[in-house]
Protein backbone atom coordinates (compact mmCIF):
# COMPACT_ATOMS: atom_id res chain seq x y z
CA MET A 1 96.77 84.98 91.25
CA ARG A 2 98.45 87.81 93.70
CA ARG A 3 95.08 88.35 96.24
CA LYS A 4 94.25 84.74 96.56
CA ALA A 5 98.53 84.59 97.73
CA ILE A 6 97.50 87.19 100.51
CA VAL A 7 94.28 85.98 101.42
CA SER A 8 96.06 82.48 102.35
CA ALA A 9 98.78 84.15 104.08
CA CYS A 10 97.21 86.41 106.09
CA LEU A 11 94.79 83.60 107.33
CA MET A 12 97.18 81.50 108.21
CA ALA A 13 99.00 84.41 110.15
CA MET A 14 96.16 83.65 112.45
CA ALA A 15 95.89 80.99 114.54
CA ILE A 16 91.95 79.88 115.79
CA ILE A 17 91.60 79.74 111.00
CA ALA A 18 93.25 75.85 111.89
CA ASP A 19 89.44 75.22 112.92
CA ALA A 20 87.34 77.28 111.15
CA GLN A 21 84.50 75.65 108.84
CA THR A 22 84.51 76.15 105.16
CA TYR A 23 81.13 77.86 103.81
CA THR A 24 79.70 78.93 100.43
CA LEU A 25 76.93 81.13 100.20
CA ARG A 26 74.95 78.20 99.89
CA LYS A 27 75.62 76.41 102.29
CA CYS A 28 75.06 79.62 104.71
CA LEU A 29 71.89 80.61 103.24
CA GLU A 30 70.82 76.97 103.37
CA THR A 31 71.97 77.11 107.16
CA GLY A 32 70.14 79.89 108.39
CA LEU A 33 67.37 78.99 106.56
CA GLU A 34 66.85 76.33 108.50
CA ASN A 35 68.00 77.06 111.91
CA ASN A 36 67.27 81.07 112.44
CA TYR A 37 64.99 82.26 114.89
CA SER A 38 63.77 84.70 113.44
CA LEU A 39 62.22 83.16 110.50
CA ARG A 40 61.16 79.67 112.26
CA ILE A 41 58.34 82.41 114.37
CA VAL A 42 57.64 83.75 111.27
CA ARG A 43 56.67 80.18 110.22
CA ASN A 44 55.43 79.23 113.46
CA GLU A 45 52.93 82.60 112.48
CA GLU A 46 52.02 81.36 109.51
CA GLN A 47 50.82 78.50 110.27
CA ILE A 48 48.59 79.87 112.58
CA ALA A 49 47.12 81.46 109.77
CA ARG A 50 47.03 78.26 107.73
CA ASN A 51 45.18 76.45 110.89
CA ASN A 52 42.36 79.27 110.94
CA ALA A 53 41.47 78.37 107.34
CA THR A 54 38.63 76.09 108.27
CA LEU A 55 34.55 75.77 107.63
CA ALA A 56 33.84 75.45 111.45
CA ASN A 57 36.27 79.32 112.25
CA ALA A 58 34.04 79.95 109.00
CA GLY A 59 31.00 79.12 110.40
CA TYR A 60 29.45 76.81 107.77
CA LEU A 61 29.88 73.75 110.89
CA PRO A 62 26.90 74.17 113.54
CA THR A 63 27.64 73.99 117.27
CA VAL A 64 26.45 71.33 119.54
CA ASP A 65 26.34 71.67 122.99
CA LEU A 66 25.46 68.86 125.98
CA ASN A 67 24.72 70.30 129.19
CA ALA A 68 24.08 69.27 132.59
CA GLY A 69 22.03 70.44 135.76
CA TYR A 70 21.31 68.81 139.29
CA LYS A 71 18.81 71.14 141.53
CA GLY A 72 17.89 70.29 145.48
CA ALA A 73 15.24 72.49 147.37
CA VAL A 74 14.49 72.57 151.17
CA SER A 75 10.94 73.71 151.73
CA SER A 76 8.53 73.96 154.97
CA SER A 77 5.22 74.86 154.24
CA ASP A 78 1.90 75.39 156.48
CA SER A 79 -1.75 74.25 154.55
CA LYS A 80 -4.86 75.00 156.16
CA VAL A 81 -8.12 72.59 155.07
CA ARG A 82 -11.05 74.96 153.71
CA SER A 83 -14.04 71.70 155.08
CA THR A 84 -12.41 71.09 158.40
CA GLY A 85 -10.09 73.98 158.99
CA GLU A 86 -7.65 70.93 159.81
CA ILE A 87 -3.70 72.43 159.44
CA GLN A 88 -1.90 70.11 157.65
CA GLU A 89 2.41 70.98 158.42
CA VAL A 90 4.68 70.28 156.16
CA ARG A 91 8.72 70.35 157.12
CA ASN A 92 11.63 70.33 155.81
CA SER A 93 10.85 69.05 152.02
CA LEU A 94 12.99 67.97 149.98
CA ASP A 95 12.68 68.38 146.34
CA HIS A 96 15.27 66.74 143.52
CA THR A 97 15.35 68.21 139.98
CA LEU A 98 17.79 66.69 137.65
CA ASN A 99 18.09 67.55 133.51
CA ALA A 100 20.46 66.61 130.63
CA GLY A 101 19.65 67.61 127.28
CA ILE A 102 21.99 67.63 124.08
CA GLY A 103 21.35 70.92 121.66
CA LEU A 104 22.42 72.13 118.26
CA ASN A 105 22.43 75.19 116.27
CA TRP A 106 23.13 75.72 112.64
CA THR A 107 23.01 79.11 111.27
CA ILE A 108 22.44 77.71 107.42
CA PHE A 109 22.52 80.73 105.01
CA ASP A 110 24.02 84.59 106.90
CA GLY A 111 23.74 86.61 102.80
CA PHE A 112 26.57 84.67 101.73
CA LYS A 113 28.42 86.53 104.57
CA ILE A 114 29.92 82.60 105.79
CA SER A 115 30.99 82.04 102.55
CA THR A 116 32.53 85.71 102.70
CA ASN A 117 34.40 84.93 106.68
CA TYR A 118 35.61 81.44 104.52
CA LYS A 119 36.90 83.30 101.96
CA GLN A 120 38.94 85.72 104.09
CA LEU A 121 40.53 83.43 105.69
CA LYS A 122 42.19 81.48 102.85
CA GLU A 123 43.29 84.88 101.66
CA MET A 124 44.96 85.71 105.10
CA GLU A 125 46.35 81.84 104.81
CA ARG A 126 47.63 83.10 101.35
CA MET A 127 49.04 86.12 102.96
CA GLY A 128 50.99 84.15 105.58
CA GLU A 129 52.52 82.49 102.86
CA THR A 130 53.55 85.57 101.33
CA ALA A 131 54.59 87.56 104.68
CA THR A 132 56.89 83.87 105.15
CA ARG A 133 58.57 84.69 101.67
CA ILE A 134 58.76 88.35 102.30
CA ALA A 135 60.79 87.55 105.68
CA ILE A 136 62.41 84.68 103.78
CA GLU A 137 63.63 87.29 100.39
CA ASP A 138 64.34 89.61 103.49
CA PHE A 139 67.02 86.97 105.32
CA MET A 140 68.67 85.79 101.79
CA ALA A 141 69.31 89.27 100.54
CA GLY A 142 70.95 90.28 104.04
CA LEU A 143 72.80 87.13 104.61
CA ALA A 144 74.16 87.19 101.57
CA ALA A 145 75.29 91.04 102.47
CA GLU A 146 77.00 90.07 105.72
CA TYR A 147 78.29 86.75 103.79
CA TYR A 148 79.87 89.04 100.77
CA ASN A 149 80.75 91.82 103.57
CA PHE A 150 82.96 89.31 105.61
CA LEU A 151 84.36 88.57 102.87
CA HIS A 152 85.11 92.12 102.56
CA GLN A 153 86.60 92.27 105.29
CA ARG A 154 88.53 89.33 104.91
CA LEU A 155 90.37 90.95 101.73
CA ARG A 156 90.73 94.57 103.12
CA LEU A 157 92.68 92.76 106.43
CA ALA A 158 95.36 90.50 103.55
CA ASN A 159 95.54 93.99 101.92
CA TYR A 160 97.06 95.10 105.80
CA TYR A 161 98.81 92.37 106.07
CA TYR A 162 100.65 93.54 102.60
CA ALA A 163 100.85 96.72 104.02
CA VAL A 164 102.65 95.63 107.15
CA LYS A 165 105.02 93.26 105.10
CA LEU A 166 105.98 95.79 102.80
CA SER A 167 106.44 98.36 105.51
CA LYS A 168 108.47 95.75 107.73
CA GLU A 169 111.13 94.94 104.55
CA ARG A 170 111.14 98.33 103.64
CA LEU A 171 112.38 99.11 107.86
CA ARG A 172 114.50 96.37 107.03
CA ILE A 173 116.14 97.88 104.71
CA VAL A 174 116.75 101.47 105.80
CA GLU A 175 117.14 99.79 109.45
CA GLU A 176 120.61 98.25 107.26
CA ARG A 177 121.51 101.05 105.82
CA TYR A 178 121.70 104.03 108.57
CA ASN A 179 123.47 100.89 110.51
CA ILE A 180 126.43 101.73 107.67
CA GLY A 181 125.18 105.36 107.29
CA ASN A 182 123.66 105.56 103.76
CA PHE A 183 119.88 106.81 105.56
CA SER A 184 119.91 109.69 108.50
CA ARG A 185 117.55 108.91 111.29
CA LEU A 186 115.28 110.82 110.36
CA ASP A 187 114.34 108.59 107.59
CA TYR A 188 115.06 105.63 109.89
CA GLN A 189 111.94 106.88 112.77
CA GLN A 190 109.79 107.49 109.32
CA ALA A 191 109.77 103.99 108.34
CA LYS A 192 109.00 102.80 112.27
CA VAL A 193 106.31 105.38 111.99
CA ASP A 194 105.00 104.22 108.61
CA PHE A 195 105.51 100.33 109.56
CA ASN A 196 103.23 100.94 113.43
CA ALA A 197 100.92 102.64 111.54
CA ASP A 198 100.11 99.86 109.20
CA SER A 199 100.30 97.19 112.20
CA ALA A 200 98.15 99.05 113.21
CA LYS A 201 95.59 98.94 110.54
CA TYR A 202 96.25 95.46 110.50
CA MET A 203 94.95 94.79 114.19
CA LYS A 204 92.22 97.38 113.83
CA GLN A 205 91.14 95.06 110.67
CA GLN A 206 91.58 91.91 112.60
CA GLU A 207 88.49 93.17 114.97
CA VAL A 208 86.33 94.71 112.18
CA VAL A 209 86.69 90.83 110.34
CA LEU A 210 85.70 89.18 114.23
CA THR A 211 82.19 91.14 114.06
CA SER A 212 81.48 90.37 110.78
CA ARG A 213 82.21 86.91 111.45
CA ILE A 214 80.14 87.00 114.65
CA ALA A 215 77.39 88.34 112.96
CA LEU A 216 77.09 85.85 110.67
CA ASN A 217 77.12 83.10 112.76
CA GLU A 218 74.15 84.93 114.74
CA MET A 219 72.05 85.11 111.49
CA MET A 220 72.89 80.88 110.87
CA ALA A 221 71.85 81.07 114.78
CA ILE A 222 75.38 79.06 115.96
CA ASP A 223 75.05 78.53 119.05
CA GLN A 224 78.52 79.05 119.82
CA VAL A 225 78.37 82.72 117.74
CA TYR A 226 82.50 83.36 117.74
CA THR A 227 83.00 80.17 115.45
CA PRO A 228 85.97 80.26 113.12
CA ILE A 229 84.84 80.01 109.92
CA GLU A 230 85.80 81.04 106.31
CA THR A 231 85.09 81.28 103.15
CA GLU A 232 85.12 78.63 99.85
CA GLU A 233 85.25 82.10 97.69
CA LYS A 234 88.78 83.97 97.90
CA ASP A 235 87.64 86.53 95.60
CA ILE A 236 84.29 89.18 95.25
CA GLU A 237 82.49 88.00 91.60
CA THR A 238 80.14 89.94 89.82
CA ASN A 239 77.48 89.97 87.83
CA ALA A 240 77.62 92.06 84.54
CA LEU A 241 74.75 90.41 82.94
CA LEU A 242 71.73 91.81 84.83
CA ASN A 243 68.46 93.18 81.65
CA PHE A 244 66.77 96.24 82.59
CA THR A 245 64.01 95.08 80.90
CA ASP A 246 63.77 92.01 82.48
CA LEU A 247 63.79 92.52 85.69
CA TRP A 248 60.94 95.65 85.93
CA ASN A 249 59.40 92.22 84.41
CA SER A 250 60.15 89.92 86.97
CA THR A 251 59.36 93.01 90.11
CA LEU A 252 55.34 93.14 88.07
CA ALA A 253 55.48 89.67 88.39
CA SER A 254 57.03 88.17 91.64
CA ASN A 255 58.23 90.72 93.96
CA ALA A 256 56.03 89.53 97.32
CA ASN A 257 55.42 92.87 98.09
CA LEU A 258 53.75 93.39 95.02
CA LEU A 259 51.51 90.49 95.81
CA LEU A 260 50.92 91.18 99.26
CA ALA A 261 49.55 94.65 98.16
CA GLU A 262 47.04 92.34 95.98
CA GLN A 263 46.18 90.41 98.38
CA ASN A 264 45.39 93.25 101.25
CA SER A 265 43.32 94.69 98.17
CA ARG A 266 41.09 91.10 98.23
CA LEU A 267 40.72 91.48 101.67
CA SER A 268 39.35 95.04 101.77
CA GLN A 269 36.73 93.47 99.03
CA LEU A 270 35.58 90.87 100.77
CA ASP A 271 34.98 93.02 103.97
CA TYR A 272 32.81 95.46 101.96
CA LYS A 273 31.13 92.02 101.00
CA LYS A 274 30.80 91.01 104.05
CA VAL A 275 29.08 94.94 105.04
CA ILE A 276 26.36 93.73 101.78
CA SER A 277 25.86 90.24 103.43
CA ARG A 278 24.39 92.41 106.01
CA ASN A 279 20.65 93.17 103.00
CA TYR A 280 20.20 89.28 102.76
CA PRO A 281 17.62 87.46 105.35
CA TYR A 282 19.45 85.31 107.48
CA VAL A 283 18.14 80.88 108.39
CA LYS A 284 19.13 78.98 111.53
CA LEU A 285 17.75 75.72 112.21
CA ASN A 286 18.38 74.24 115.67
CA ALA A 287 17.25 70.92 117.49
CA GLY A 288 18.34 69.29 120.88
CA TYR A 289 17.06 66.26 122.63
CA ASP A 290 16.01 66.96 126.92
CA PHE A 291 15.44 64.80 129.27
CA THR A 292 14.28 65.59 132.85
CA TYR A 293 13.91 63.98 136.34
CA ASN A 294 12.17 64.43 139.31
CA LYS A 295 11.48 63.56 142.37
CA TYR A 296 9.56 64.95 145.82
CA ASP A 297 9.02 64.45 149.19
CA THR A 298 5.59 65.77 149.08
CA ASN A 299 3.87 65.49 145.77
CA SER A 300 1.23 63.40 144.89
CA TYR A 301 3.86 61.93 142.61
CA LEU A 302 6.39 60.20 143.95
CA ARG A 303 9.23 60.64 140.12
CA ARG A 304 8.31 61.70 137.54
CA SER A 305 10.91 61.77 133.98
CA ASN A 306 10.18 63.29 131.29
CA TRP A 307 11.82 63.63 128.06
CA GLY A 308 11.92 64.09 124.18
CA GLY A 309 13.41 66.39 120.84
CA SER A 310 12.75 69.36 119.71
CA ALA A 311 13.61 71.59 116.32
CA GLY A 312 13.26 74.13 114.90
CA ILE A 313 13.96 76.58 111.47
CA THR A 314 14.40 80.43 112.37
CA ILE A 315 14.16 82.65 108.85
CA GLY A 316 14.55 86.79 110.25
CA PHE A 317 16.01 89.79 108.24
CA ASN A 318 17.75 93.07 109.36
CA LEU A 319 15.72 96.00 108.87
CA TRP A 320 17.79 98.14 110.55
CA ASP A 321 20.52 98.87 112.80
CA GLY A 322 22.48 102.50 112.63
CA ASN A 323 25.81 101.65 110.98
CA ARG A 324 25.50 99.86 108.10
CA ARG A 325 25.28 102.69 105.39
CA ARG A 326 28.53 104.11 107.66
CA GLU A 327 30.05 100.90 107.12
CA LYS A 328 29.75 100.55 103.04
CA ARG A 329 31.18 103.96 102.94
CA ASN A 330 33.90 102.78 104.40
CA ALA A 331 34.45 99.81 103.20
CA ARG A 332 34.39 101.62 99.21
CA ILE A 333 36.54 103.28 101.26
CA GLU A 334 39.06 100.97 102.20
CA ILE A 335 39.43 99.23 98.75
CA GLU A 336 40.04 102.75 97.22
CA ASN A 337 42.91 102.77 99.70
CA ALA A 338 44.37 99.23 98.76
CA LYS A 339 44.36 100.16 94.89
CA LEU A 340 45.91 103.50 96.28
CA GLN A 341 48.73 101.88 98.17
CA ARG A 342 49.25 99.07 95.37
CA ASN A 343 50.13 101.44 92.81
CA GLN A 344 51.37 103.58 94.78
CA LEU A 345 54.28 100.52 95.95
CA GLU A 346 54.71 100.01 92.25
CA LEU A 347 55.23 103.26 91.46
CA ALA A 348 58.54 102.99 94.46
CA LEU A 349 59.24 99.71 92.91
CA LYS A 350 59.80 101.34 89.74
CA ALA A 351 61.46 104.16 91.39
CA ASP A 352 64.09 101.22 93.95
CA LEU A 353 64.63 99.54 90.33
CA GLY A 354 65.60 102.15 88.75
CA ASN A 355 68.08 104.04 91.79
CA LEU A 356 69.53 100.64 92.26
CA TRP A 357 70.02 100.12 88.34
CA GLN A 358 72.05 102.77 87.83
CA ALA A 359 74.61 102.75 91.12
CA TYR A 360 74.66 98.81 89.38
CA GLN A 361 75.95 100.39 85.59
CA ASN A 362 78.20 103.12 87.64
CA ASN A 363 79.74 100.63 89.66
CA LEU A 364 80.19 98.33 86.78
CA GLN A 365 82.21 101.37 84.79
CA LEU A 366 83.99 101.72 87.96
CA LEU A 367 84.95 98.34 88.67
CA ALA A 368 86.78 98.59 85.11
CA LEU A 369 88.27 101.97 85.65
CA GLU A 370 89.84 100.51 89.02
CA LYS A 371 91.51 97.53 88.12
CA HIS A 372 92.96 99.04 85.30
CA ASN A 373 93.63 101.75 87.98
CA VAL A 374 95.56 98.83 89.76
CA VAL A 375 97.41 97.13 87.22
CA THR A 376 99.17 100.74 86.55
CA ALA A 377 99.80 100.91 90.54
CA ARG A 378 101.41 97.93 91.37
CA GLU A 379 103.47 98.35 87.52
CA ASN A 380 104.73 102.30 89.43
CA HIS A 381 105.00 100.34 92.50
CA GLU A 382 107.81 97.89 91.26
CA ILE A 383 109.53 100.86 89.43
CA ALA A 384 109.78 102.57 92.90
CA LYS A 385 110.65 99.79 94.53
CA GLU A 386 113.67 99.44 92.07
CA ARG A 387 114.88 102.93 92.34
CA TYR A 388 114.75 103.29 95.90
CA MET A 389 116.46 99.97 96.21
CA LEU A 390 119.22 101.58 93.84
CA GLY A 391 118.95 105.27 96.03
CA ASP A 392 117.24 107.21 93.90
CA LEU A 393 113.92 106.98 95.87
CA SER A 394 113.34 109.00 98.80
CA GLY A 395 111.73 107.13 101.58
CA PHE A 396 108.97 109.71 100.97
CA GLU A 397 108.57 109.33 97.50
CA MET A 398 108.22 105.19 98.60
CA ARG A 399 105.65 105.23 100.98
CA GLU A 400 103.45 107.46 98.45
CA ALA A 401 103.96 104.41 95.91
CA GLN A 402 103.39 102.05 98.35
CA LYS A 403 100.36 104.42 99.30
CA SER A 404 99.00 104.59 95.65
CA LEU A 405 98.72 101.37 95.13
CA LEU A 406 97.10 100.24 99.19
CA ASP A 407 94.94 102.72 98.01
CA ALA A 408 94.01 101.65 94.92
CA GLU A 409 93.26 98.02 95.06
CA GLU A 410 91.13 99.01 98.58
CA ARG A 411 89.08 101.26 96.09
CA LEU A 412 88.48 98.36 93.95
CA LEU A 413 87.61 95.84 97.11
CA SER A 414 84.95 98.83 98.00
CA VAL A 415 83.79 98.77 94.48
CA GLU A 416 83.40 94.87 94.15
CA TYR A 417 81.46 94.72 97.42
CA ASP A 418 79.53 97.98 96.07
CA THR A 419 78.42 95.81 92.80
CA LYS A 420 77.14 92.98 94.68
CA ILE A 421 75.44 94.02 97.12
CA CYS A 422 73.54 96.19 94.26
CA GLU A 423 73.40 93.19 92.73
CA ILE A 424 72.18 91.53 95.68
CA SER A 425 69.06 93.83 96.00
CA LEU A 426 68.42 94.17 92.37
CA MET A 427 67.48 89.98 93.10
CA GLN A 428 65.58 91.14 95.94
CA LEU A 429 63.18 93.61 94.46
CA SER A 430 62.36 91.61 90.78
CA GLY A 431 61.93 88.57 93.54
CA ASN A 432 64.71 86.31 91.90
CA ILE A 433 66.63 86.51 95.38
CA LYS A 434 66.52 82.76 95.93
CA GLU A 435 68.82 81.86 92.95
CA LEU A 436 71.74 82.47 95.29
CA LEU A 437 70.88 78.80 96.51
CA LYS A 438 71.54 77.39 92.82
């Protein structure tokens, strides 16, 4: 195929390509999914949510406290004995008190608030997993789009390289004929202008290719972002077999944002249950063991030790706190808002899917049309080239035939790329973007 030959020739013209690594889309995705810094941060946040979803964090488990203390008191006193009137003096008496204990506090029942807390933590853990999935799917779609953008820009570079070759050949012919007097200086100057214009486009396109390559390396978290890479694919292959009904059913079943909205709805319902739990009594258990040691300078006892355990249970009921009715009304509103947001998202997804599907269908029709136009433009260019060689066609007309061919190939490349982007977006919307890894 001529396009593949042009791509190969164009890449050979770039010296740095000798050290390029060859990547498939799957290899790019696997590298990016493993190394990308944003995804690593999101996975760490998911791990935090997983670490938080424990019985202890929900309040199921008791708390155990160990404490110890020491107190020293220095005092002086004067005491008068009633019977004798004698004054007894005590100076700088030092008393010591040492205590240690261990205590347990356990909320046995709190109106189902503890169990609701645990359900919320588990739901937040699942939401963390969904958030990670959304980030991964967004990343995969973005990386796939950049991969095909890089391929698209390289194909454009190949077209510009081909244009330079055509212009250079035309300049050679005009220069030879100008030297023998068959062409005017105007023809020669115009051929030079066209050659320089095509060369400038080619040089500018090299910059675009480099920018896309750097962006692709950055997304894959390759430290040397300037590293040359080459795609294994030489053309943008499109899939014309997608089905709208299948895509919509898959969207309802698998779209990650829709799943997250449903999880938010369940979280709002649990918030309501937490408010309702305050209508129930609470039961708390406490127990402890303490030891106390006292040493006296002036007391009738030289020292004294106390030790022993204690246990108790507290049952209570919150009669009124002034906020319960307000919080209950607000919790109901939050449940309604979560449902509305979920329905709004479903409608937005349906609209997005419809727009993308229409664009996808139009691009498929344009793709067939542009392929036909390229074939026609090539035939016209060959005919014009033969007539130009015979001197039956002016340089301006030859340039127009060349421009028509290049424009047709440029339009074909753009439609192929646009179709592929629509395809990627449809796969992401329907929750099937991971099929790119197959």
